[in-house]
N, C-alpha and C. Protein backbone atom coordinates (compact mmCIF):
# COMPACT_ATOMS: atom_id res chain seq x y z
N UNK A 1 -173.13 -5.32 130.62
CA UNK A 1 -172.89 -6.81 130.15
C UNK A 1 -171.14 -6.73 129.53
N UNK A 2 -170.36 -7.93 129.86
CA UNK A 2 -168.89 -7.46 129.20
C UNK A 2 -169.36 -8.69 127.69
N UNK A 3 -168.84 -8.16 126.75
CA UNK A 3 -169.12 -8.64 125.62
C UNK A 3 -167.66 -9.84 125.69
N UNK A 4 -166.68 -9.42 126.06
CA UNK A 4 -165.11 -9.92 125.99
C UNK A 4 -164.61 -10.21 127.59
N UNK A 5 -164.25 -11.43 127.33
CA UNK A 5 -163.66 -11.79 128.86
C UNK A 5 -162.24 -12.58 128.14
N UNK A 6 -161.43 -12.76 129.20
CA UNK A 6 -160.20 -13.60 129.34
C UNK A 6 -160.30 -14.86 130.22
N UNK A 7 -160.04 -15.92 129.72
CA UNK A 7 -159.90 -16.87 130.62
C UNK A 7 -159.44 -16.88 132.23
N UNK A 8 -157.91 -15.97 132.29
CA UNK A 8 -157.65 -16.00 133.49
C UNK A 8 -158.09 -15.18 134.45
N UNK A 9 -158.89 -13.77 134.01
CA UNK A 9 -160.01 -13.34 134.62
C UNK A 9 -160.88 -13.51 135.24
N UNK A 10 -161.51 -14.81 134.76
CA UNK A 10 -162.98 -15.90 135.73
C UNK A 10 -162.64 -16.03 136.56
N UNK A 11 -163.45 -16.46 137.50
CA UNK A 11 -163.11 -16.66 139.02
C UNK A 11 -163.33 -18.43 138.47
N UNK A 12 -162.30 -19.13 139.47
CA UNK A 12 -162.46 -20.24 139.27
C UNK A 12 -163.44 -20.85 140.68
N UNK A 13 -164.29 -21.87 140.23
CA UNK A 13 -164.66 -22.70 141.31
C UNK A 13 -164.57 -24.12 141.68
N UNK A 14 -164.47 -24.79 142.75
CA UNK A 14 -164.23 -26.09 142.98
C UNK A 14 -165.35 -26.35 142.95
N UNK A 15 -165.40 -27.73 142.32
CA UNK A 15 -166.62 -28.48 142.20
C UNK A 15 -166.56 -30.06 142.75
N UNK A 16 -167.78 -30.79 142.79
CA UNK A 16 -167.64 -31.95 143.20
C UNK A 16 -166.81 -32.03 144.73
N UNK A 17 -165.92 -33.26 144.70
CA UNK A 17 -165.22 -33.09 145.87
C UNK A 17 -164.15 -32.01 146.30
N UNK A 18 -163.92 -31.15 145.11
CA UNK A 18 -162.86 -30.19 145.58
C UNK A 18 -161.70 -30.41 144.67
N UNK A 19 -161.69 -31.52 143.85
CA UNK A 19 -160.50 -31.87 143.25
C UNK A 19 -160.78 -31.60 141.64
N UNK A 20 -161.92 -30.72 141.27
CA UNK A 20 -162.23 -30.56 139.76
C UNK A 20 -162.60 -29.15 140.12
N UNK A 21 -162.19 -28.49 138.66
CA UNK A 21 -162.39 -27.25 138.59
C UNK A 21 -163.06 -26.55 137.76
N UNK A 22 -163.92 -25.49 137.56
CA UNK A 22 -164.94 -24.73 136.63
C UNK A 22 -164.30 -23.84 136.53
N UNK A 23 -164.48 -22.73 135.20
CA UNK A 23 -164.65 -21.27 134.96
C UNK A 23 -165.83 -21.33 134.12
N UNK A 24 -166.83 -20.89 134.67
CA UNK A 24 -168.11 -20.84 134.03
C UNK A 24 -168.26 -19.65 132.87
N UNK A 25 -168.16 -20.12 131.55
CA UNK A 25 -168.43 -19.28 130.32
C UNK A 25 -169.76 -18.62 130.21
N UNK A 26 -170.58 -19.37 130.09
CA UNK A 26 -172.26 -19.21 129.63
C UNK A 26 -172.95 -20.04 130.92
N UNK A 27 -174.12 -19.10 131.73
CA UNK A 27 -174.69 -19.89 132.60
C UNK A 27 -176.38 -19.58 131.90
N UNK A 28 -176.92 -20.74 132.40
CA UNK A 28 -178.55 -20.77 131.99
C UNK A 28 -179.04 -19.74 132.78
N UNK A 29 -180.01 -19.31 132.20
CA UNK A 29 -180.49 -17.81 132.86
C UNK A 29 -180.03 -16.56 132.83
N UNK A 30 -178.68 -16.33 132.78
CA UNK A 30 -177.72 -15.37 132.47
C UNK A 30 -177.97 -14.92 130.96
N UNK A 31 -177.70 -15.71 130.12
CA UNK A 31 -177.41 -15.78 128.98
C UNK A 31 -178.33 -16.41 128.51
N UNK A 32 -179.57 -16.45 128.24
CA UNK A 32 -181.03 -17.53 127.78
C UNK A 32 -180.27 -17.34 126.06
N UNK A 33 -181.41 -18.92 125.92
CA UNK A 33 -181.17 -19.17 124.21
C UNK A 33 -181.50 -21.12 124.45
N UNK A 34 -181.15 -21.51 123.32
CA UNK A 34 -181.54 -22.79 123.24
C UNK A 34 -180.29 -23.07 122.19
N UNK A 35 -179.45 -23.81 122.48
CA UNK A 35 -178.42 -24.38 121.77
C UNK A 35 -178.79 -24.49 119.94
N UNK A 36 -177.83 -23.86 119.24
CA UNK A 36 -178.17 -24.51 118.04
C UNK A 36 -176.85 -25.20 117.52
N UNK A 37 -175.70 -24.20 117.45
CA UNK A 37 -174.79 -25.03 117.05
C UNK A 37 -173.17 -24.77 118.09
N UNK A 38 -172.30 -25.83 118.32
CA UNK A 38 -171.27 -25.48 118.78
C UNK A 38 -170.05 -26.04 118.34
N UNK A 39 -169.40 -25.70 117.43
CA UNK A 39 -168.00 -25.58 116.72
C UNK A 39 -167.00 -25.91 117.01
N UNK A 40 -165.82 -26.29 116.57
CA UNK A 40 -164.36 -26.13 116.41
C UNK A 40 -164.06 -25.39 115.28
N UNK A 41 -163.39 -24.15 115.22
CA UNK A 41 -163.09 -24.04 114.01
C UNK A 41 -161.52 -22.96 113.90
N UNK A 42 -161.16 -22.72 112.70
CA UNK A 42 -160.15 -22.05 112.43
C UNK A 42 -160.11 -21.05 111.51
N UNK A 43 -159.16 -20.10 111.43
CA UNK A 43 -158.90 -19.08 110.23
C UNK A 43 -157.53 -19.44 109.81
N UNK A 44 -156.99 -19.89 108.58
CA UNK A 44 -155.78 -19.47 108.33
C UNK A 44 -155.14 -18.33 108.00
N UNK A 45 -153.86 -18.33 107.96
CA UNK A 45 -153.12 -16.92 108.08
C UNK A 45 -153.55 -15.89 106.37
N UNK A 46 -154.19 -14.93 106.97
CA UNK A 46 -154.51 -13.58 105.88
C UNK A 46 -156.32 -14.22 105.70
N UNK A 47 -157.17 -15.31 106.21
CA UNK A 47 -158.31 -15.41 106.05
C UNK A 47 -159.09 -14.80 106.86
N UNK A 48 -160.45 -14.84 106.85
CA UNK A 48 -161.58 -14.21 107.38
C UNK A 48 -162.42 -14.52 107.58
N UNK A 49 -163.92 -14.56 108.46
CA UNK A 49 -165.02 -14.42 108.30
C UNK A 49 -165.74 -13.52 107.52
N UNK A 50 -166.40 -13.48 107.01
CA UNK A 50 -167.34 -12.20 106.07
C UNK A 50 -168.01 -11.60 107.29
N UNK A 51 -168.12 -10.42 107.30
CA UNK A 51 -169.07 -9.50 107.77
C UNK A 51 -170.06 -10.16 107.87
N UNK A 52 -171.21 -10.44 109.20
CA UNK A 52 -172.49 -10.90 108.96
C UNK A 52 -173.21 -10.96 110.40
N UNK A 53 -174.48 -11.23 110.85
CA UNK A 53 -175.21 -10.94 111.94
C UNK A 53 -176.07 -12.04 112.25
N UNK A 54 -176.49 -12.32 113.35
CA UNK A 54 -177.63 -13.30 113.63
C UNK A 54 -178.84 -12.75 114.05
N UNK A 55 -179.98 -12.75 113.59
CA UNK A 55 -181.13 -11.82 113.54
C UNK A 55 -181.73 -12.59 114.74
N UNK A 56 -181.44 -14.02 115.22
CA UNK A 56 -182.39 -14.85 115.98
C UNK A 56 -181.59 -15.59 116.90
N UNK A 57 -180.45 -15.14 117.34
CA UNK A 57 -179.65 -15.59 118.39
C UNK A 57 -178.27 -14.97 118.75
N UNK A 58 -177.53 -15.34 119.92
CA UNK A 58 -176.67 -15.05 120.53
C UNK A 58 -175.76 -16.21 119.85
N UNK A 59 -174.10 -15.71 119.77
CA UNK A 59 -172.96 -16.22 119.46
C UNK A 59 -171.78 -16.30 120.56
N UNK A 60 -171.15 -17.13 120.78
CA UNK A 60 -170.50 -17.26 121.79
C UNK A 60 -168.97 -17.65 120.96
N UNK A 61 -167.79 -16.81 121.21
CA UNK A 61 -166.44 -17.16 120.88
C UNK A 61 -165.71 -17.34 121.94
N UNK A 62 -164.77 -18.66 121.83
CA UNK A 62 -163.74 -18.82 122.70
C UNK A 62 -162.68 -19.28 122.02
N UNK A 63 -161.50 -18.61 122.10
CA UNK A 63 -160.18 -18.73 121.39
C UNK A 63 -159.32 -19.52 121.94
N UNK A 64 -158.61 -20.36 121.38
CA UNK A 64 -158.06 -21.57 121.80
C UNK A 64 -156.50 -21.29 121.49
N UNK A 65 -156.15 -21.04 120.35
CA UNK A 65 -154.50 -20.65 120.11
C UNK A 65 -154.74 -19.27 118.76
N UNK A 66 -153.31 -18.98 118.68
CA UNK A 66 -152.98 -17.72 117.93
C UNK A 66 -153.84 -16.33 118.16
N UNK A 67 -153.53 -15.48 117.25
CA UNK A 67 -154.59 -14.24 117.51
C UNK A 67 -155.02 -13.58 116.46
N UNK A 68 -156.17 -12.46 116.49
CA UNK A 68 -156.58 -12.12 115.24
C UNK A 68 -157.32 -10.92 115.45
N UNK A 69 -158.34 -10.00 114.75
CA UNK A 69 -158.92 -9.35 115.09
C UNK A 69 -160.42 -9.39 114.74
N UNK A 70 -161.23 -8.93 115.74
CA UNK A 70 -162.46 -9.22 115.58
C UNK A 70 -163.24 -7.98 115.75
N UNK A 71 -164.29 -7.94 114.56
CA UNK A 71 -165.10 -6.47 114.48
C UNK A 71 -166.23 -7.02 115.23
N UNK A 72 -166.71 -6.10 116.03
CA UNK A 72 -168.09 -6.33 116.80
C UNK A 72 -168.89 -4.81 116.95
N UNK A 73 -169.83 -5.15 116.15
CA UNK A 73 -170.59 -3.96 115.72
C UNK A 73 -169.49 -3.01 115.10
N UNK A 74 -169.18 -1.60 115.80
CA UNK A 74 -168.31 -0.74 114.56
C UNK A 74 -167.03 -0.98 115.49
N UNK A 75 -166.55 -1.25 116.57
CA UNK A 75 -165.19 -1.75 117.09
C UNK A 75 -164.59 -3.08 116.81
N UNK A 76 -163.43 -2.55 116.57
CA UNK A 76 -162.45 -3.82 116.37
C UNK A 76 -161.49 -4.07 117.53
N UNK A 77 -161.53 -5.56 117.85
CA UNK A 77 -161.35 -6.01 119.14
C UNK A 77 -159.91 -6.78 118.72
N UNK A 78 -158.75 -6.63 119.45
CA UNK A 78 -157.70 -7.79 119.43
C UNK A 78 -157.86 -8.95 120.27
N UNK A 79 -157.88 -9.94 119.31
CA UNK A 79 -158.65 -11.53 120.17
C UNK A 79 -157.22 -12.10 120.10
N UNK A 80 -157.00 -12.76 121.26
CA UNK A 80 -155.96 -13.70 121.36
C UNK A 80 -156.52 -15.08 122.41
N UNK A 81 -155.34 -15.93 122.38
CA UNK A 81 -155.76 -17.41 123.67
C UNK A 81 -156.16 -16.94 124.41
N UNK A 82 -157.77 -17.14 125.56
CA UNK A 82 -158.30 -16.90 126.41
C UNK A 82 -158.94 -16.39 126.18
N UNK A 83 -159.50 -15.41 125.21
CA UNK A 83 -160.06 -14.31 125.36
C UNK A 83 -161.69 -15.21 124.98
N UNK A 84 -162.60 -14.35 125.27
CA UNK A 84 -164.06 -14.94 125.51
C UNK A 84 -164.89 -13.92 125.21
N UNK A 85 -165.87 -13.80 123.81
CA UNK A 85 -166.16 -12.81 123.02
C UNK A 85 -167.73 -13.14 122.86
N UNK A 86 -168.74 -12.37 123.50
CA UNK A 86 -170.42 -12.73 123.08
C UNK A 86 -170.86 -11.74 122.36
N UNK A 87 -171.25 -12.28 120.97
CA UNK A 87 -172.16 -11.52 119.96
C UNK A 87 -173.78 -11.50 120.32
N UNK A 88 -174.05 -10.33 120.59
CA UNK A 88 -175.44 -10.43 120.91
C UNK A 88 -176.41 -10.41 119.66
N UNK A 89 -177.70 -10.51 119.57
CA UNK A 89 -178.37 -10.42 118.78
C UNK A 89 -178.34 -9.25 117.85
N UNK A 90 -178.51 -9.86 116.05
CA UNK A 90 -178.40 -8.79 115.26
C UNK A 90 -177.19 -7.89 115.80
N UNK A 91 -175.94 -8.04 116.11
CA UNK A 91 -174.67 -7.33 116.04
C UNK A 91 -174.10 -7.68 114.77
N UNK A 92 -173.77 -7.03 114.20
CA UNK A 92 -172.53 -7.22 113.01
C UNK A 92 -171.01 -7.73 113.71
N UNK A 93 -170.99 -9.12 112.94
CA UNK A 93 -168.80 -9.08 113.28
C UNK A 93 -168.81 -9.80 112.38
N UNK A 94 -167.24 -9.91 112.53
CA UNK A 94 -166.46 -10.36 111.68
C UNK A 94 -164.96 -10.82 111.95
N UNK A 95 -164.32 -11.82 111.70
CA UNK A 95 -163.05 -12.36 112.45
C UNK A 95 -162.01 -12.36 111.37
N UNK A 96 -160.96 -11.75 111.51
CA UNK A 96 -159.49 -12.22 110.56
C UNK A 96 -158.23 -12.32 111.01
N UNK A 97 -157.56 -13.00 110.64
CA UNK A 97 -156.23 -13.50 110.97
C UNK A 97 -154.99 -13.17 109.91
N UNK A 98 -154.42 -11.82 110.54
CA UNK A 98 -153.22 -11.15 109.53
C UNK A 98 -152.14 -11.75 110.12
N UNK A 99 -152.15 -12.81 110.95
CA UNK A 99 -150.90 -13.47 111.61
C UNK A 99 -150.25 -14.97 111.13
N UNK A 100 -149.09 -15.43 110.92
CA UNK A 100 -148.86 -16.37 110.30
C UNK A 100 -149.30 -17.89 110.98
N UNK A 101 -149.83 -17.67 112.51
CA UNK A 101 -150.23 -19.04 113.02
C UNK A 101 -151.81 -19.46 112.97
N UNK A 102 -152.37 -20.10 112.68
CA UNK A 102 -153.96 -20.42 112.35
C UNK A 102 -154.46 -20.05 113.82
N UNK A 103 -155.73 -19.16 113.39
CA UNK A 103 -156.50 -18.98 114.92
C UNK A 103 -157.45 -19.95 115.01
N UNK A 104 -157.51 -20.45 116.06
CA UNK A 104 -158.05 -21.35 116.42
C UNK A 104 -159.14 -21.33 117.67
N UNK A 105 -160.55 -21.78 117.41
CA UNK A 105 -161.57 -21.57 118.20
C UNK A 105 -162.77 -21.94 118.32
N UNK A 106 -163.32 -21.86 119.54
CA UNK A 106 -164.76 -22.44 119.52
C UNK A 106 -165.90 -21.84 119.46
N UNK A 107 -166.87 -21.99 118.94
CA UNK A 107 -168.31 -21.04 118.88
C UNK A 107 -169.59 -21.63 119.03
N UNK A 108 -169.97 -21.04 120.03
CA UNK A 108 -171.42 -21.47 120.43
C UNK A 108 -172.56 -20.71 119.92
N UNK A 109 -173.85 -21.38 119.45
CA UNK A 109 -174.98 -20.24 119.04
C UNK A 109 -176.19 -20.61 119.92
N UNK A 110 -176.87 -19.62 120.17
CA UNK A 110 -177.94 -20.33 120.52
C UNK A 110 -178.88 -19.34 120.21
N UNK A 111 -180.49 -19.90 119.95
CA UNK A 111 -181.42 -19.23 119.29
C UNK A 111 -181.94 -18.66 120.69
N UNK A 112 -182.74 -17.33 120.64
CA UNK A 112 -183.38 -16.73 121.53
C UNK A 112 -185.10 -17.38 121.75
N UNK A 113 -185.14 -17.55 123.26
CA UNK A 113 -186.42 -18.23 123.41
C UNK A 113 -187.56 -17.33 123.37
């Protein structure tokens, strides 16, 4: 399973009458769980989310603007606008913004079923 994707590399599907389009980030059944939170968040210059883990669920990050560094287990990933990161259960993760622009992102957290 890929833990990081970029919106530009995901397949586009035509839906409804062909005038609407979707890029599926999460599909029920592929990445199971019950929705717990859906957040719009940001980190200011020099800020960070402390290292933590969720023993009971999966967390998804979609980066809207800015860039930063994300710790996923023992690996630091560069994250940028359009990136999508999946944090598996019990995986230590952290996020920091060493840049001048706010790092803006969405998070979705699901509980394991």
